[in-house]
Amino acid sequence: MMMTCHVRPGAKENRIEWLSETEAKVWLTAAPEKGKANKALIDMLAKDLKIAKTKIEIKYGKTAKVKTIVINE
């Protein structure tokens, strides 16, 4: 499954707002440096979707605020 995440790093709190089954807005307290925000995004998605972190991959947008995520099942 592919999904789109609109990420806001450096937020006051960690939060996910689902816009549809395949699109979400994600606020992260992690800073957008050295992959910290990407790691936090994967951690939050894995917890929210109740799947292993290893099944989540950032396919496109590793340095962008809009990311395409692939979930391998």
PDB file of N, CA and C in Angstrom:
ATOM      1  N   MET A   1       0.854  -1.175   0.000  1.00  0.00           N
ATOM      2  CA  MET A   1       0.000   0.000   0.000  1.00  0.00           C
ATOM      3  C   MET A   1       0.901   1.238   0.000  1.00  0.00           C
ATOM      4  N   MET A   2       0.512   2.238  -0.736  1.00  0.00           N
ATOM      5  CA  MET A   2       1.232   3.513  -0.755  1.00  0.00           C
ATOM      6  C   MET A   2       0.368   4.577  -0.093  1.00  0.00           C
ATOM      7  N   MET A   3       1.039   5.485   0.605  1.00  0.00           N
ATOM      8  CA  MET A   3       0.309   6.582   1.226  1.00  0.00           C
ATOM      9  C   MET A   3       1.156   7.846   1.196  1.00  0.00           C
ATOM     10  N   THR A   4       0.495   8.977   1.388  1.00  0.00           N
ATOM     11  CA  THR A   4       1.160  10.275   1.393  1.00  0.00           C
ATOM     12  C   THR A   4       1.076  10.859   2.793  1.00  0.00           C
ATOM     13  N   CYS A   5       2.215  11.369   3.279  1.00  0.00           N
ATOM     14  CA  CYS A   5       2.262  12.019   4.590  1.00  0.00           C
ATOM     15  C   CYS A   5       2.753  13.448   4.416  1.00  0.00           C
ATOM     16  N   HIS A   6       2.032  14.379   4.994  1.00  0.00           N
ATOM     17  CA  HIS A   6       2.432  15.783   5.041  1.00  0.00           C
ATOM     18  C   HIS A   6       3.025  15.996   6.440  1.00  0.00           C
ATOM     19  N   VAL A   7       4.339  16.144   6.507  1.00  0.00           N
ATOM     20  CA  VAL A   7       5.045  16.157   7.787  1.00  0.00           C
ATOM     21  C   VAL A   7       5.388  17.579   8.214  1.00  0.00           C
ATOM     22  N   ARG A   8       5.170  17.850   9.506  1.00  0.00           N
ATOM     23  CA  ARG A   8       5.529  19.132  10.113  1.00  0.00           C
ATOM     24  C   ARG A   8       6.521  18.853  11.240  1.00  0.00           C
ATOM     25  N   PRO A   9       7.832  18.840  10.950  1.00  0.00           N
ATOM     26  CA  PRO A   9       8.810  18.593  12.011  1.00  0.00           C
ATOM     27  C   PRO A   9       8.962  19.802  12.928  1.00  0.00           C
ATOM     28  N   GLY A  10       9.444  19.555  14.126  1.00  0.00           N
ATOM     29  CA  GLY A  10       9.657  20.638  15.087  1.00  0.00           C
ATOM     30  C   GLY A  10       8.379  21.141  15.721  1.00  0.00           C
ATOM     31  N   ALA A  11       7.347  20.327  15.745  1.00  0.00           N
ATOM     32  CA  ALA A  11       6.058  20.727  16.330  1.00  0.00           C
ATOM     33  C   ALA A  11       6.118  20.633  17.857  1.00  0.00           C
ATOM     34  N   LYS A  12       5.081  21.145  18.521  1.00  0.00           N
ATOM     35  CA  LYS A  12       5.030  21.104  19.979  1.00  0.00           C
ATOM     36  C   LYS A  12       4.674  19.719  20.506  1.00  0.00           C
ATOM     37  N   GLU A  13       3.965  18.925  19.689  1.00  0.00           N
ATOM     38  CA  GLU A  13       3.564  17.587  20.115  1.00  0.00           C
ATOM     39  C   GLU A  13       3.537  16.640  18.919  1.00  0.00           C
ATOM     40  N   ASN A  14       3.627  15.346  19.188  1.00  0.00           N
ATOM     41  CA  ASN A  14       3.494  14.334  18.153  1.00  0.00           C
ATOM     42  C   ASN A  14       2.012  14.039  17.954  1.00  0.00           C
ATOM     43  N   ARG A  15       1.568  14.094  16.687  1.00  0.00           N
ATOM     44  CA  ARG A  15       0.142  13.901  16.415  1.00  0.00           C
ATOM     45  C   ARG A  15      -0.041  13.466  14.976  1.00  0.00           C
ATOM     46  N   ILE A  16      -1.039  12.613  14.736  1.00  0.00           N
ATOM     47  CA  ILE A  16      -1.398  12.197  13.372  1.00  0.00           C
ATOM     48  C   ILE A  16      -2.852  12.561  13.131  1.00  0.00           C
ATOM     49  N   GLU A  17      -3.116  13.177  11.992  1.00  0.00           N
ATOM     50  CA  GLU A  17      -4.488  13.467  11.560  1.00  0.00           C
ATOM     51  C   GLU A  17      -4.687  12.767  10.218  1.00  0.00           C
ATOM     52  N   TRP A  18      -5.554  11.762  10.197  1.00  0.00           N
ATOM     53  CA  TRP A  18      -5.807  11.002   8.967  1.00  0.00           C
ATOM     54  C   TRP A  18      -6.806  11.765   8.102  1.00  0.00           C
ATOM     55  N   LEU A  19      -6.410  12.079   6.882  1.00  0.00           N
ATOM     56  CA  LEU A  19      -7.284  12.769   5.932  1.00  0.00           C
ATOM     57  C   LEU A  19      -8.089  11.758   5.120  1.00  0.00           C
ATOM     58  N   SER A  20      -7.494  10.592   4.883  1.00  0.00           N
ATOM     59  CA  SER A  20      -8.150   9.468   4.215  1.00  0.00           C
ATOM     60  C   SER A  20      -7.361   8.222   4.588  1.00  0.00           C
ATOM     61  N   GLU A  21      -7.691   7.093   3.981  1.00  0.00           N
ATOM     62  CA  GLU A  21      -6.960   5.863   4.278  1.00  0.00           C
ATOM     63  C   GLU A  21      -5.507   5.933   3.814  1.00  0.00           C
ATOM     64  N   THR A  22      -5.253   6.759   2.815  1.00  0.00           N
ATOM     65  CA  THR A  22      -3.908   6.808   2.239  1.00  0.00           C
ATOM     66  C   THR A  22      -3.239   8.175   2.351  1.00  0.00           C
ATOM     67  N   GLU A  23      -3.770   9.037   3.197  1.00  0.00           N
ATOM     68  CA  GLU A  23      -3.181  10.374   3.345  1.00  0.00           C
ATOM     69  C   GLU A  23      -3.307  10.840   4.790  1.00  0.00           C
ATOM     70  N   ALA A  24      -2.209  11.410   5.304  1.00  0.00           N
ATOM     71  CA  ALA A  24      -2.206  11.868   6.687  1.00  0.00           C
ATOM     72  C   ALA A  24      -1.347  13.111   6.846  1.00  0.00           C
ATOM     73  N   LYS A  25      -1.716  13.928   7.844  1.00  0.00           N
ATOM     74  CA  LYS A  25      -0.870  15.030   8.285  1.00  0.00           C
ATOM     75  C   LYS A  25      -0.234  14.559   9.582  1.00  0.00           C
ATOM     76  N   VAL A  26       1.080  14.757   9.694  1.00  0.00           N
ATOM     77  CA  VAL A  26       1.797  14.273  10.870  1.00  0.00           C
ATOM     78  C   VAL A  26       2.635  15.410  11.450  1.00  0.00           C
ATOM     79  N   TRP A  27       2.440  15.688  12.736  1.00  0.00           N
ATOM     80  CA  TRP A  27       3.234  16.668  13.450  1.00  0.00           C
ATOM     81  C   TRP A  27       4.232  15.905  14.307  1.00  0.00           C
ATOM     82  N   LEU A  28       5.510  16.293  14.211  1.00  0.00           N
ATOM     83  CA  LEU A  28       6.572  15.606  14.943  1.00  0.00           C
ATOM     84  C   LEU A  28       7.377  16.600  15.771  1.00  0.00           C
ATOM     85  N   THR A  29       7.724  16.201  16.983  1.00  0.00           N
ATOM     86  CA  THR A  29       8.578  17.052  17.807  1.00  0.00           C
ATOM     87  C   THR A  29      10.039  16.931  17.379  1.00  0.00           C
ATOM     88  N   ALA A  30      10.369  15.881  16.656  1.00  0.00           N
ATOM     89  CA  ALA A  30      11.753  15.656  16.212  1.00  0.00           C
ATOM     90  C   ALA A  30      12.187  16.728  15.218  1.00  0.00           C
ATOM     91  N   ALA A  31      13.462  17.050  15.269  1.00  0.00           N
ATOM     92  CA  ALA A  31      14.032  18.047  14.359  1.00  0.00           C
ATOM     93  C   ALA A  31      14.297  17.416  12.987  1.00  0.00           C
ATOM     94  N   PRO A  32      14.198  18.221  11.934  1.00  0.00           N
ATOM     95  CA  PRO A  32      14.452  17.698  10.586  1.00  0.00           C
ATOM     96  C   PRO A  32      15.937  17.664  10.248  1.00  0.00           C
ATOM     97  N   GLU A  33      16.706  16.952  11.039  1.00  0.00           N
ATOM     98  CA  GLU A  33      18.155  16.882  10.813  1.00  0.00           C
ATOM     99  C   GLU A  33      18.644  15.456  11.043  1.00  0.00           C
ATOM    100  N   LYS A  34      19.542  15.022  10.191  1.00  0.00           N
ATOM    101  CA  LYS A  34      20.176  13.707  10.297  1.00  0.00           C
ATOM    102  C   LYS A  34      19.174  12.560  10.367  1.00  0.00           C
ATOM    103  N   GLY A  35      18.024  12.708   9.719  1.00  0.00           N
ATOM    104  CA  GLY A  35      17.040  11.622   9.654  1.00  0.00           C
ATOM    105  C   GLY A  35      16.202  11.433  10.904  1.00  0.00           C
ATOM    106  N   LYS A  36      16.304  12.350  11.874  1.00  0.00           N
ATOM    107  CA  LYS A  36      15.546  12.204  13.117  1.00  0.00           C
ATOM    108  C   LYS A  36      14.039  12.249  12.880  1.00  0.00           C
ATOM    109  N   ALA A  37      13.587  13.177  12.048  1.00  0.00           N
ATOM    110  CA  ALA A  37      12.157  13.298  11.771  1.00  0.00           C
ATOM    111  C   ALA A  37      11.653  12.084  10.992  1.00  0.00           C
ATOM    112  N   ASN A  38      12.443  11.579  10.055  1.00  0.00           N
ATOM    113  CA  ASN A  38      12.036  10.394   9.296  1.00  0.00           C
ATOM    114  C   ASN A  38      11.899   9.184  10.212  1.00  0.00           C
ATOM    115  N   LYS A  39      12.832   9.010  11.137  1.00  0.00           N
ATOM    116  CA  LYS A  39      12.767   7.898  12.075  1.00  0.00           C
ATOM    117  C   LYS A  39      11.534   8.038  12.974  1.00  0.00           C
ATOM    118  N   ALA A  40      11.273   9.247  13.452  1.00  0.00           N
ATOM    119  CA  ALA A  40      10.108   9.491  14.304  1.00  0.00           C
ATOM    120  C   ALA A  40       8.814   9.230  13.539  1.00  0.00           C
ATOM    121  N   LEU A  41       8.790   9.592  12.249  1.00  0.00           N
ATOM    122  CA  LEU A  41       7.611   9.343  11.418  1.00  0.00           C
ATOM    123  C   LEU A  41       7.345   7.852  11.308  1.00  0.00           C
ATOM    124  N   ILE A  42       8.375   7.075  11.025  1.00  0.00           N
ATOM    125  CA  ILE A  42       8.209   5.624  10.911  1.00  0.00           C
ATOM    126  C   ILE A  42       7.747   5.031  12.241  1.00  0.00           C
ATOM    127  N   ASP A  43       8.322   5.492  13.346  1.00  0.00           N
ATOM    128  CA  ASP A  43       7.914   5.011  14.672  1.00  0.00           C
ATOM    129  C   ASP A  43       6.443   5.302  14.940  1.00  0.00           C
ATOM    130  N   MET A  44       6.009   6.524  14.635  1.00  0.00           N
ATOM    131  CA  MET A  44       4.606   6.901  14.881  1.00  0.00           C
ATOM    132  C   MET A  44       3.646   6.119  14.002  1.00  0.00           C
ATOM    133  N   LEU A  45       3.977   5.973  12.716  1.00  0.00           N
ATOM    134  CA  LEU A  45       3.102   5.226  11.817  1.00  0.00           C
ATOM    135  C   LEU A  45       2.998   3.762  12.236  1.00  0.00           C
ATOM    136  N   ALA A  46       4.118   3.164  12.611  1.00  0.00           N
ATOM    137  CA  ALA A  46       4.111   1.762  13.035  1.00  0.00           C
ATOM    138  C   ALA A  46       3.224   1.580  14.268  1.00  0.00           C
ATOM    139  N   LYS A  47       3.335   2.499  15.208  1.00  0.00           N
ATOM    140  CA  LYS A  47       2.523   2.413  16.421  1.00  0.00           C
ATOM    141  C   LYS A  47       1.047   2.618  16.121  1.00  0.00           C
ATOM    142  N   ASP A  48       0.735   3.619  15.294  1.00  0.00           N
ATOM    143  CA  ASP A  48      -0.660   3.937  14.982  1.00  0.00           C
ATOM    144  C   ASP A  48      -1.321   2.841  14.142  1.00  0.00           C
ATOM    145  N   LEU A  49      -0.572   2.276  13.203  1.00  0.00           N
ATOM    146  CA  LEU A  49      -1.121   1.239  12.323  1.00  0.00           C
ATOM    147  C   LEU A  49      -0.957  -0.168  12.901  1.00  0.00           C
ATOM    148  N   LYS A  50      -0.237  -0.267  14.016  1.00  0.00           N
ATOM    149  CA  LYS A  50       0.012  -1.540  14.698  1.00  0.00           C
ATOM    150  C   LYS A  50       0.704  -2.549  13.778  1.00  0.00           C
ATOM    151  N   ILE A  51       1.789  -2.090  13.145  1.00  0.00           N
ATOM    152  CA  ILE A  51       2.603  -2.955  12.297  1.00  0.00           C
ATOM    153  C   ILE A  51       4.073  -2.759  12.667  1.00  0.00           C
ATOM    154  N   ALA A  52       4.923  -3.653  12.183  1.00  0.00           N
ATOM    155  CA  ALA A  52       6.353  -3.556  12.466  1.00  0.00           C
ATOM    156  C   ALA A  52       6.973  -2.381  11.713  1.00  0.00           C
ATOM    157  N   LYS A  53       7.959  -1.742  12.331  1.00  0.00           N
ATOM    158  CA  LYS A  53       8.650  -0.610  11.700  1.00  0.00           C
ATOM    159  C   LYS A  53       9.340  -1.030  10.410  1.00  0.00           C
ATOM    160  N   THR A  54       9.776  -2.286  10.348  1.00  0.00           N
ATOM    161  CA  THR A  54      10.499  -2.773   9.165  1.00  0.00           C
ATOM    162  C   THR A  54       9.608  -2.870   7.936  1.00  0.00           C
ATOM    163  N   LYS A  55       8.299  -2.810   8.103  1.00  0.00           N
ATOM    164  CA  LYS A  55       7.373  -2.874   6.971  1.00  0.00           C
ATOM    165  C   LYS A  55       7.091  -1.504   6.362  1.00  0.00           C
ATOM    166  N   ILE A  56       7.630  -0.447   6.975  1.00  0.00           N
ATOM    167  CA  ILE A  56       7.378   0.915   6.510  1.00  0.00           C
ATOM    168  C   ILE A  56       8.646   1.463   5.869  1.00  0.00           C
ATOM    169  N   GLU A  57       8.494   2.023   4.665  1.00  0.00           N
ATOM    170  CA  GLU A  57       9.637   2.582   3.937  1.00  0.00           C
ATOM    171  C   GLU A  57       9.253   3.937   3.351  1.00  0.00           C
ATOM    172  N   ILE A  58      10.122   4.912   3.485  1.00  0.00           N
ATOM    173  CA  ILE A  58       9.913   6.208   2.842  1.00  0.00           C
ATOM    174  C   ILE A  58      10.459   6.079   1.427  1.00  0.00           C
ATOM    175  N   LYS A  59       9.560   6.025   0.468  1.00  0.00           N
ATOM    176  CA  LYS A  59       9.952   5.796  -0.926  1.00  0.00           C
ATOM    177  C   LYS A  59      10.449   7.084  -1.572  1.00  0.00           C
ATOM    178  N   TYR A  60       9.680   8.164  -1.428  1.00  0.00           N
ATOM    179  CA  TYR A  60      10.040   9.460  -2.015  1.00  0.00           C
ATOM    180  C   TYR A  60       9.886  10.550  -0.964  1.00  0.00           C
ATOM    181  N   GLY A  61      10.726  11.580  -1.053  1.00  0.00           N
ATOM    182  CA  GLY A  61      10.586  12.739  -0.191  1.00  0.00           C
ATOM    183  C   GLY A  61      11.329  12.649   1.117  1.00  0.00           C
ATOM    184  N   LYS A  62      12.454  11.956   1.150  1.00  0.00           N
ATOM    185  CA  LYS A  62      13.197  11.818   2.402  1.00  0.00           C
ATOM    186  C   LYS A  62      13.647  13.159   2.963  1.00  0.00           C
ATOM    187  N   THR A  63      13.840  14.158   2.104  1.00  0.00           N
ATOM    188  CA  THR A  63      14.230  15.487   2.584  1.00  0.00           C
ATOM    189  C   THR A  63      13.123  16.520   2.375  1.00  0.00           C
ATOM    190  N   ALA A  64      11.940  16.063   1.999  1.00  0.00           N
ATOM    191  CA  ALA A  64      10.809  16.968   1.743  1.00  0.00           C
ATOM    192  C   ALA A  64       9.767  16.833   2.850  1.00  0.00           C
ATOM    193  N   LYS A  65       8.855  17.788   2.915  1.00  0.00           N
ATOM    194  CA  LYS A  65       7.786  17.731   3.903  1.00  0.00           C
ATOM    195  C   LYS A  65       6.644  16.827   3.468  1.00  0.00           C
ATOM    196  N   VAL A  66       6.524  16.587   2.172  1.00  0.00           N
ATOM    197  CA  VAL A  66       5.516  15.658   1.653  1.00  0.00           C
ATOM    198  C   VAL A  66       6.244  14.379   1.256  1.00  0.00           C
ATOM    199  N   LYS A  67       5.866  13.282   1.891  1.00  0.00           N
ATOM    200  CA  LYS A  67       6.566  12.026   1.686  1.00  0.00           C
ATOM    201  C   LYS A  67       5.613  10.954   1.171  1.00  0.00           C
ATOM    202  N   THR A  68       6.126  10.102   0.298  1.00  0.00           N
ATOM    203  CA  THR A  68       5.385   8.942  -0.153  1.00  0.00           C
ATOM    204  C   THR A  68       5.910   7.741   0.617  1.00  0.00           C
ATOM    205  N   ILE A  69       5.006   7.082   1.308  1.00  0.00           N
ATOM    206  CA  ILE A  69       5.337   5.959   2.180  1.00  0.00           C
ATOM    207  C   ILE A  69       4.818   4.680   1.542  1.00  0.00           C
ATOM    208  N   VAL A  70       5.637   3.633   1.591  1.00  0.00           N
ATOM    209  CA  VAL A  70       5.219   2.312   1.135  1.00  0.00           C
ATOM    210  C   VAL A  70       5.129   1.410   2.353  1.00  0.00           C
ATOM    211  N   ILE A  71       3.986   0.725   2.492  1.00  0.00           N
ATOM    212  CA  ILE A  71       3.794  -0.214   3.582  1.00  0.00           C
ATOM    213  C   ILE A  71       3.752  -1.604   2.973  1.00  0.00           C
ATOM    214  N   ASN A  72       4.750  -2.403   3.300  1.00  0.00           N
ATOM    215  CA  ASN A  72       4.848  -3.776   2.796  1.00  0.00           C
ATOM    216  C   ASN A  72       4.148  -4.709   3.746  1.00  0.00           C
ATOM    217  N   GLU A  73       3.218  -5.483   3.208  1.00  0.00           N
ATOM    218  CA  GLU A  73       2.477  -6.412   4.077  1.00  0.00           C
ATOM    219  C   GLU A  73       2.790  -7.836   3.725  1.00  0.00           C
TER     220      GLU A  73
END
